[in-house]
Amino acid sequence: MSRRQPVKFGLAASEQRKQAVQAFRRRCYTLMGRTDLVRQEGMGAVEQERLDQKLHLIEARVGTETIGTIRWGTYASVAGEDHYADSIVQNRTGLPSRHPEDFSRTDRLVIHPEYRRGTVLIGLARFCLQLAIEAGSRFDLCWSEEHLARVYRRLGYEVLPQRLLNARADTLYPQILSVQQFRKRWSSRDQVTPAPANTLTADQNQLSTSC
């Protein structure tokens, strides 16, 4: 990968870009040894494909090559179909609101090893923030294994008391983020505003290395 090209953040809107994101996720899951995620079969595969179609796939790209991705959407758009988000909202433990329409949900954060610990994470999160502001979401929900929970904490997420289990019986940690607090924290960096979700650019030379 060239270090001279900028990193661009945008929606994977076309079928070609969606397929590129899905192929990128499979490659990264393979590198991580997560065979449970490389090929989800049966109802699991159907559910993930359906969510990919209903939610926004956001990617970080160098040229046409995907180097990071995250999946985001309002909870209302997938309520009753999103197993983990449903569990968090229905449990309500630690949630600051009882209104489902107040929540968005984020998952499937994957960043290429060469671009971890850099501004790709912030760029993807800020793109989600723009969408959340436009949608009127007050809080964003996510869930992850413990090592990724530490990554989300860097962005301002707080771990909720509830615990979930994935298909491998690993513990997942539900987390919540105040959209306004995130906006205040990061707005000084190039001013995050509720503008249309256009492509954002970050200086790739600022990125450090280490899906």
C-alpha atoms as a PDB file:
ATOM      1  CA  MET A   1       0.000   0.000   0.000  1.00  0.00           C
ATOM      2  CA  SER A   2       1.324   3.418  -0.905  1.00  0.00           C
ATOM      3  CA  ARG A   3       1.927   5.861   1.926  1.00  0.00           C
ATOM      4  CA  ARG A   4       1.541   8.827  -0.446  1.00  0.00           C
ATOM      5  CA  GLN A   5      -2.179   8.588  -1.082  1.00  0.00           C
ATOM      6  CA  PRO A   6      -4.775  10.095   1.269  1.00  0.00           C
ATOM      7  CA  VAL A   7      -7.248   7.982   3.204  1.00  0.00           C
ATOM      8  CA  LYS A   8     -10.846   8.706   2.199  1.00  0.00           C
ATOM      9  CA  PHE A   9     -13.910   7.904   4.277  1.00  0.00           C
ATOM     10  CA  GLY A  10     -17.293   7.314   2.703  1.00  0.00           C
ATOM     11  CA  LEU A  11     -20.372   5.142   2.384  1.00  0.00           C
ATOM     12  CA  ALA A  12     -20.053   1.921   0.458  1.00  0.00           C
ATOM     13  CA  ALA A  13     -23.166   2.771  -1.515  1.00  0.00           C
ATOM     14  CA  SER A  14     -22.722   0.825  -4.747  1.00  0.00           C
ATOM     15  CA  GLU A  15     -22.916  -2.945  -4.962  1.00  0.00           C
ATOM     16  CA  GLN A  16     -19.281  -2.995  -6.058  1.00  0.00           C
ATOM     17  CA  ARG A  17     -18.148  -1.104  -2.948  1.00  0.00           C
ATOM     18  CA  LYS A  18     -20.296  -3.275  -0.662  1.00  0.00           C
ATOM     19  CA  GLN A  19     -18.709  -6.392  -2.114  1.00  0.00           C
ATOM     20  CA  ALA A  20     -15.260  -4.861  -1.625  1.00  0.00           C
ATOM     21  CA  VAL A  21     -16.058  -4.206   2.053  1.00  0.00           C
ATOM     22  CA  GLN A  22     -17.364  -7.736   2.565  1.00  0.00           C
ATOM     23  CA  ALA A  23     -14.280  -9.239   0.895  1.00  0.00           C
ATOM     24  CA  PHE A  24     -12.043  -7.054   3.083  1.00  0.00           C
ATOM     25  CA  ARG A  25     -13.810  -8.228   6.238  1.00  0.00           C
ATOM     26  CA  ARG A  26     -13.362 -11.880   5.232  1.00  0.00           C
ATOM     27  CA  ARG A  27      -9.630 -11.370   4.608  1.00  0.00           C
ATOM     28  CA  CYS A  28      -9.175  -9.696   7.971  1.00  0.00           C
ATOM     29  CA  TYR A  29     -11.182 -12.315   9.837  1.00  0.00           C
ATOM     30  CA  THR A  30      -9.023 -14.980   8.192  1.00  0.00           C
ATOM     31  CA  LEU A  31      -5.862 -13.208   9.378  1.00  0.00           C
ATOM     32  CA  MET A  32      -7.303 -13.106  12.892  1.00  0.00           C
ATOM     33  CA  GLY A  33      -8.153 -16.806  12.777  1.00  0.00           C
ATOM     34  CA  ARG A  34     -11.848 -16.023  13.230  1.00  0.00           C
ATOM     35  CA  THR A  35     -13.240 -18.845  11.136  1.00  0.00           C
ATOM     36  CA  ASP A  36     -16.580 -18.300  12.869  1.00  0.00           C
ATOM     37  CA  LEU A  37     -16.835 -14.930  11.118  1.00  0.00           C
ATOM     38  CA  VAL A  38     -15.216 -15.830   7.799  1.00  0.00           C
ATOM     39  CA  ARG A  39     -18.139 -17.946   6.740  1.00  0.00           C
ATOM     40  CA  GLN A  40     -21.334 -17.614   8.708  1.00  0.00           C
ATOM     41  CA  GLU A  41     -23.740 -20.284   7.582  1.00  0.00           C
ATOM     42  CA  GLY A  42     -27.454 -20.887   7.870  1.00  0.00           C
ATOM     43  CA  MET A  43     -29.554 -18.248   9.589  1.00  0.00           C
ATOM     44  CA  GLY A  44     -26.430 -16.412  10.725  1.00  0.00           C
ATOM     45  CA  ALA A  45     -25.371 -15.742   7.147  1.00  0.00           C
ATOM     46  CA  VAL A  46     -28.881 -14.682   6.138  1.00  0.00           C
ATOM     47  CA  GLU A  47     -29.098 -12.305   9.121  1.00  0.00           C
ATOM     48  CA  GLN A  48     -25.749 -10.665   8.370  1.00  0.00           C
ATOM     49  CA  GLU A  49     -26.583 -10.222   4.683  1.00  0.00           C
ATOM     50  CA  ARG A  50     -29.910  -8.649   5.612  1.00  0.00           C
ATOM     51  CA  LEU A  51     -28.250  -6.272   8.068  1.00  0.00           C
ATOM     52  CA  ASP A  52     -25.612  -5.333   5.487  1.00  0.00           C
ATOM     53  CA  GLN A  53     -28.444  -4.275   3.179  1.00  0.00           C
ATOM     54  CA  LYS A  54     -30.357  -2.296   5.824  1.00  0.00           C
ATOM     55  CA  LEU A  55     -27.412  -0.621   7.558  1.00  0.00           C
ATOM     56  CA  HIS A  56     -24.723   1.734   6.298  1.00  0.00           C
ATOM     57  CA  LEU A  57     -21.373   0.193   5.397  1.00  0.00           C
ATOM     58  CA  ILE A  58     -18.695   2.822   5.931  1.00  0.00           C
ATOM     59  CA  GLU A  59     -15.209   2.314   4.570  1.00  0.00           C
ATOM     60  CA  ALA A  60     -11.803   3.898   4.730  1.00  0.00           C
ATOM     61  CA  ARG A  61     -10.059   3.636   1.360  1.00  0.00           C
ATOM     62  CA  VAL A  62      -6.689   4.248  -0.186  1.00  0.00           C
ATOM     63  CA  GLY A  63      -7.545   4.603  -3.849  1.00  0.00           C
ATOM     64  CA  THR A  64      -9.959   1.748  -4.512  1.00  0.00           C
ATOM     65  CA  GLU A  65      -8.547  -0.460  -1.758  1.00  0.00           C
ATOM     66  CA  THR A  66     -10.481  -0.810   1.500  1.00  0.00           C
ATOM     67  CA  ILE A  67      -8.287  -0.471   4.605  1.00  0.00           C
ATOM     68  CA  GLY A  68     -10.975  -0.144   7.276  1.00  0.00           C
ATOM     69  CA  THR A  69     -14.705  -0.484   7.718  1.00  0.00           C
ATOM     70  CA  ILE A  70     -17.506  -0.167  10.229  1.00  0.00           C
ATOM     71  CA  ARG A  71     -21.262  -0.804  10.053  1.00  0.00           C
ATOM     72  CA  TRP A  72     -23.745   1.758  11.404  1.00  0.00           C
ATOM     73  CA  GLY A  73     -27.459   2.461  11.414  1.00  0.00           C
ATOM     74  CA  THR A  74     -30.362   3.641  13.522  1.00  0.00           C
ATOM     75  CA  TYR A  75     -31.732   1.033  15.872  1.00  0.00           C
ATOM     76  CA  ALA A  76     -35.274   1.726  14.653  1.00  0.00           C
ATOM     77  CA  SER A  77     -34.303   0.579  11.147  1.00  0.00           C
ATOM     78  CA  VAL A  78     -33.424  -2.943  12.330  1.00  0.00           C
ATOM     79  CA  ALA A  79     -35.358  -3.379  15.580  1.00  0.00           C
ATOM     80  CA  GLY A  80     -36.488  -6.982  15.940  1.00  0.00           C
ATOM     81  CA  GLU A  81     -33.845  -8.187  13.459  1.00  0.00           C
ATOM     82  CA  ASP A  82     -30.619  -7.194  15.218  1.00  0.00           C
ATOM     83  CA  HIS A  83     -30.029  -9.800  17.917  1.00  0.00           C
ATOM     84  CA  TYR A  84     -27.371  -8.009  19.974  1.00  0.00           C
ATOM     85  CA  ALA A  85     -28.867  -4.525  19.699  1.00  0.00           C
ATOM     86  CA  ASP A  86     -32.302  -5.925  20.589  1.00  0.00           C
ATOM     87  CA  SER A  87     -30.844  -7.575  23.693  1.00  0.00           C
ATOM     88  CA  ILE A  88     -29.249  -4.324  24.875  1.00  0.00           C
ATOM     89  CA  VAL A  89     -32.299  -2.130  24.284  1.00  0.00           C
ATOM     90  CA  GLN A  90     -34.739  -4.625  25.770  1.00  0.00           C
ATOM     91  CA  ASN A  91     -32.548  -5.210  28.834  1.00  0.00           C
ATOM     92  CA  ARG A  92     -32.353  -1.442  29.480  1.00  0.00           C
ATOM     93  CA  THR A  93     -29.753  -1.872  32.239  1.00  0.00           C
ATOM     94  CA  GLY A  94     -27.690   1.293  32.382  1.00  0.00           C
ATOM     95  CA  LEU A  95     -29.382   2.920  29.393  1.00  0.00           C
ATOM     96  CA  PRO A  96     -30.066   6.665  29.791  1.00  0.00           C
ATOM     97  CA  SER A  97     -33.234   6.515  27.680  1.00  0.00           C
ATOM     98  CA  ARG A  98     -36.188   4.163  27.326  1.00  0.00           C
ATOM     99  CA  HIS A  99     -37.002   5.358  23.810  1.00  0.00           C
ATOM    100  CA  PRO A 100     -35.656   3.035  21.063  1.00  0.00           C
ATOM    101  CA  GLU A 101     -35.639   5.896  18.560  1.00  0.00           C
ATOM    102  CA  ASP A 102     -32.894   7.606  20.617  1.00  0.00           C
ATOM    103  CA  PHE A 103     -30.355   4.937  19.692  1.00  0.00           C
ATOM    104  CA  SER A 104     -28.132   4.102  16.785  1.00  0.00           C
ATOM    105  CA  ARG A 105     -25.964   0.991  16.665  1.00  0.00           C
ATOM    106  CA  THR A 106     -22.438   0.281  15.459  1.00  0.00           C
ATOM    107  CA  ASP A 107     -20.622  -2.979  14.825  1.00  0.00           C
ATOM    108  CA  ARG A 108     -18.157  -4.800  12.551  1.00  0.00           C
ATOM    109  CA  LEU A 109     -15.219  -2.465  13.136  1.00  0.00           C
ATOM    110  CA  VAL A 110     -12.269  -3.846  11.174  1.00  0.00           C
ATOM    111  CA  ILE A 111      -9.033  -2.009  10.361  1.00  0.00           C
ATOM    112  CA  HIS A 112      -6.139  -3.383   8.318  1.00  0.00           C
ATOM    113  CA  PRO A 113      -3.143  -4.222  10.554  1.00  0.00           C
ATOM    114  CA  GLU A 114      -0.961  -1.608   8.838  1.00  0.00           C
ATOM    115  CA  TYR A 115      -3.416   1.169   9.746  1.00  0.00           C
ATOM    116  CA  ARG A 116      -4.349   0.371  13.315  1.00  0.00           C
ATOM    117  CA  ARG A 117      -3.736   2.797  16.166  1.00  0.00           C
ATOM    118  CA  GLY A 118      -3.978   5.707  13.763  1.00  0.00           C
ATOM    119  CA  THR A 119      -6.503   8.215  12.529  1.00  0.00           C
ATOM    120  CA  VAL A 120      -8.451   5.597  10.552  1.00  0.00           C
ATOM    121  CA  LEU A 121     -10.317   4.666  13.738  1.00  0.00           C
ATOM    122  CA  ILE A 122     -11.151   8.303  14.463  1.00  0.00           C
ATOM    123  CA  GLY A 123     -12.167   8.921  10.849  1.00  0.00           C
ATOM    124  CA  LEU A 124     -14.595   5.999  10.809  1.00  0.00           C
ATOM    125  CA  ALA A 125     -16.062   6.997  14.181  1.00  0.00           C
ATOM    126  CA  ARG A 126     -16.515  10.608  13.116  1.00  0.00           C
ATOM    127  CA  PHE A 127     -18.253   9.548   9.918  1.00  0.00           C
ATOM    128  CA  CYS A 128     -20.691   7.535  12.071  1.00  0.00           C
ATOM    129  CA  LEU A 129     -21.147  10.643  14.221  1.00  0.00           C
ATOM    130  CA  GLN A 130     -22.168  12.717  11.212  1.00  0.00           C
ATOM    131  CA  LEU A 131     -24.795  10.132  10.310  1.00  0.00           C
ATOM    132  CA  ALA A 132     -26.019   9.935  13.923  1.00  0.00           C
ATOM    133  CA  ILE A 133     -26.433  13.711  14.123  1.00  0.00           C
ATOM    134  CA  GLU A 134     -28.369  13.787  10.848  1.00  0.00           C
ATOM    135  CA  ALA A 135     -30.595  10.934  12.062  1.00  0.00           C
ATOM    136  CA  GLY A 136     -31.296  12.624  15.402  1.00  0.00           C
ATOM    137  CA  SER A 137     -29.742   9.800  17.431  1.00  0.00           C
ATOM    138  CA  ARG A 138     -28.803  10.710  21.003  1.00  0.00           C
ATOM    139  CA  PHE A 139     -26.803   7.604  21.861  1.00  0.00           C
ATOM    140  CA  ASP A 140     -24.848   4.998  19.967  1.00  0.00           C
ATOM    141  CA  LEU A 141     -24.654   1.357  21.042  1.00  0.00           C
ATOM    142  CA  CYS A 142     -21.936  -1.145  20.221  1.00  0.00           C
ATOM    143  CA  TRP A 143     -20.730  -4.471  21.570  1.00  0.00           C
ATOM    144  CA  SER A 144     -17.344  -6.106  21.379  1.00  0.00           C
ATOM    145  CA  GLU A 145     -14.947  -8.511  22.993  1.00  0.00           C
ATOM    146  CA  GLU A 146     -12.854  -7.103  25.808  1.00  0.00           C
ATOM    147  CA  HIS A 147      -9.791  -6.085  23.767  1.00  0.00           C
ATOM    148  CA  LEU A 148     -11.920  -4.006  21.395  1.00  0.00           C
ATOM    149  CA  ALA A 149     -13.839  -2.508  24.312  1.00  0.00           C
ATOM    150  CA  ARG A 150     -10.594  -0.748  25.216  1.00  0.00           C
ATOM    151  CA  VAL A 151     -10.468   0.673  21.687  1.00  0.00           C
ATOM    152  CA  TYR A 152     -14.024   1.986  21.930  1.00  0.00           C
ATOM    153  CA  ARG A 153     -13.254   3.572  25.300  1.00  0.00           C
ATOM    154  CA  ARG A 154     -10.701   5.758  23.523  1.00  0.00           C
ATOM    155  CA  LEU A 155     -13.622   7.220  21.587  1.00  0.00           C
ATOM    156  CA  GLY A 156     -15.698   7.861  24.726  1.00  0.00           C
ATOM    157  CA  TYR A 157     -17.867   4.738  24.951  1.00  0.00           C
ATOM    158  CA  GLU A 158     -18.803   3.484  28.411  1.00  0.00           C
ATOM    159  CA  VAL A 159     -19.312  -0.206  29.202  1.00  0.00           C
ATOM    160  CA  LEU A 160     -22.828  -1.178  30.274  1.00  0.00           C
ATOM    161  CA  PRO A 161     -23.522  -3.678  33.091  1.00  0.00           C
ATOM    162  CA  GLN A 162     -25.123  -6.243  30.770  1.00  0.00           C
ATOM    163  CA  ARG A 163     -23.074  -9.037  29.164  1.00  0.00           C
ATOM    164  CA  LEU A 164     -23.737 -10.900  25.906  1.00  0.00           C
ATOM    165  CA  LEU A 165     -22.341 -14.092  24.407  1.00  0.00           C
ATOM    166  CA  ASN A 166     -21.362 -14.619  20.768  1.00  0.00           C
ATOM    167  CA  ALA A 167     -21.560 -17.866  18.800  1.00  0.00           C
ATOM    168  CA  ARG A 168     -18.255 -19.052  20.323  1.00  0.00           C
ATOM    169  CA  ALA A 169     -19.534 -18.338  23.850  1.00  0.00           C
ATOM    170  CA  ASP A 170     -17.098 -15.425  24.163  1.00  0.00           C
ATOM    171  CA  THR A 171     -18.223 -12.596  26.410  1.00  0.00           C
ATOM    172  CA  LEU A 172     -19.277  -9.416  24.620  1.00  0.00           C
ATOM    173  CA  TYR A 173     -19.345  -6.055  26.355  1.00  0.00           C
ATOM    174  CA  PRO A 174     -22.234  -3.731  25.415  1.00  0.00           C
ATOM    175  CA  GLN A 175     -21.183  -0.086  25.347  1.00  0.00           C
ATOM    176  CA  ILE A 176     -22.865   3.272  24.934  1.00  0.00           C
ATOM    177  CA  LEU A 177     -21.734   6.651  23.634  1.00  0.00           C
ATOM    178  CA  SER A 178     -23.397  10.041  24.023  1.00  0.00           C
ATOM    179  CA  VAL A 179     -23.469  11.567  20.541  1.00  0.00           C
ATOM    180  CA  GLN A 180     -23.271  15.110  21.899  1.00  0.00           C
ATOM    181  CA  GLN A 181     -20.369  14.339  24.218  1.00  0.00           C
ATOM    182  CA  PHE A 182     -18.493  12.707  21.353  1.00  0.00           C
ATOM    183  CA  ARG A 183     -19.224  15.739  19.201  1.00  0.00           C
ATOM    184  CA  LYS A 184     -17.857  18.138  21.818  1.00  0.00           C
ATOM    185  CA  ARG A 185     -14.780  16.015  22.403  1.00  0.00           C
ATOM    186  CA  TRP A 186     -13.783  15.708  18.758  1.00  0.00           C
ATOM    187  CA  SER A 187     -15.286  18.824  17.182  1.00  0.00           C
ATOM    188  CA  SER A 188     -12.049  20.769  17.656  1.00  0.00           C
ATOM    189  CA  ARG A 189     -10.415  18.403  15.191  1.00  0.00           C
ATOM    190  CA  ASP A 190     -11.523  19.789  11.827  1.00  0.00           C
ATOM    191  CA  GLN A 191     -14.983  20.646  13.203  1.00  0.00           C
ATOM    192  CA  VAL A 192     -17.412  17.741  13.082  1.00  0.00           C
ATOM    193  CA  THR A 193     -20.747  19.234  11.969  1.00  0.00           C
ATOM    194  CA  PRO A 194     -24.132  17.846  10.918  1.00  0.00           C
ATOM    195  CA  ALA A 195     -23.307  18.359   7.252  1.00  0.00           C
ATOM    196  CA  PRO A 196     -24.251  15.833   4.562  1.00  0.00           C
ATOM    197  CA  ALA A 197     -22.187  12.652   4.769  1.00  0.00           C
ATOM    198  CA  ASN A 198     -19.615  13.505   2.130  1.00  0.00           C
ATOM    199  CA  THR A 199     -16.181  11.974   1.756  1.00  0.00           C
ATOM    200  CA  LEU A 200     -13.711  12.957   4.494  1.00  0.00           C
ATOM    201  CA  THR A 201      -9.944  12.910   4.009  1.00  0.00           C
ATOM    202  CA  ALA A 202      -7.138  12.292   6.515  1.00  0.00           C
ATOM    203  CA  ASP A 203      -3.409  12.614   6.033  1.00  0.00           C
ATOM    204  CA  GLN A 204      -2.219   9.034   5.712  1.00  0.00           C
ATOM    205  CA  ASN A 205       1.257  10.023   6.905  1.00  0.00           C
ATOM    206  CA  GLN A 206      -0.272  10.497  10.375  1.00  0.00           C
ATOM    207  CA  LEU A 207      -1.305   6.853  10.573  1.00  0.00           C
ATOM    208  CA  SER A 208       0.615   4.348  12.641  1.00  0.00           C
ATOM    209  CA  THR A 209       0.831   0.634  11.971  1.00  0.00           C
ATOM    210  CA  SER A 210      -0.341  -2.514  13.604  1.00  0.00           C
ATOM    211  CA  CYS A 211      -7.838  -6.901  11.529  1.00  0.00           C
END
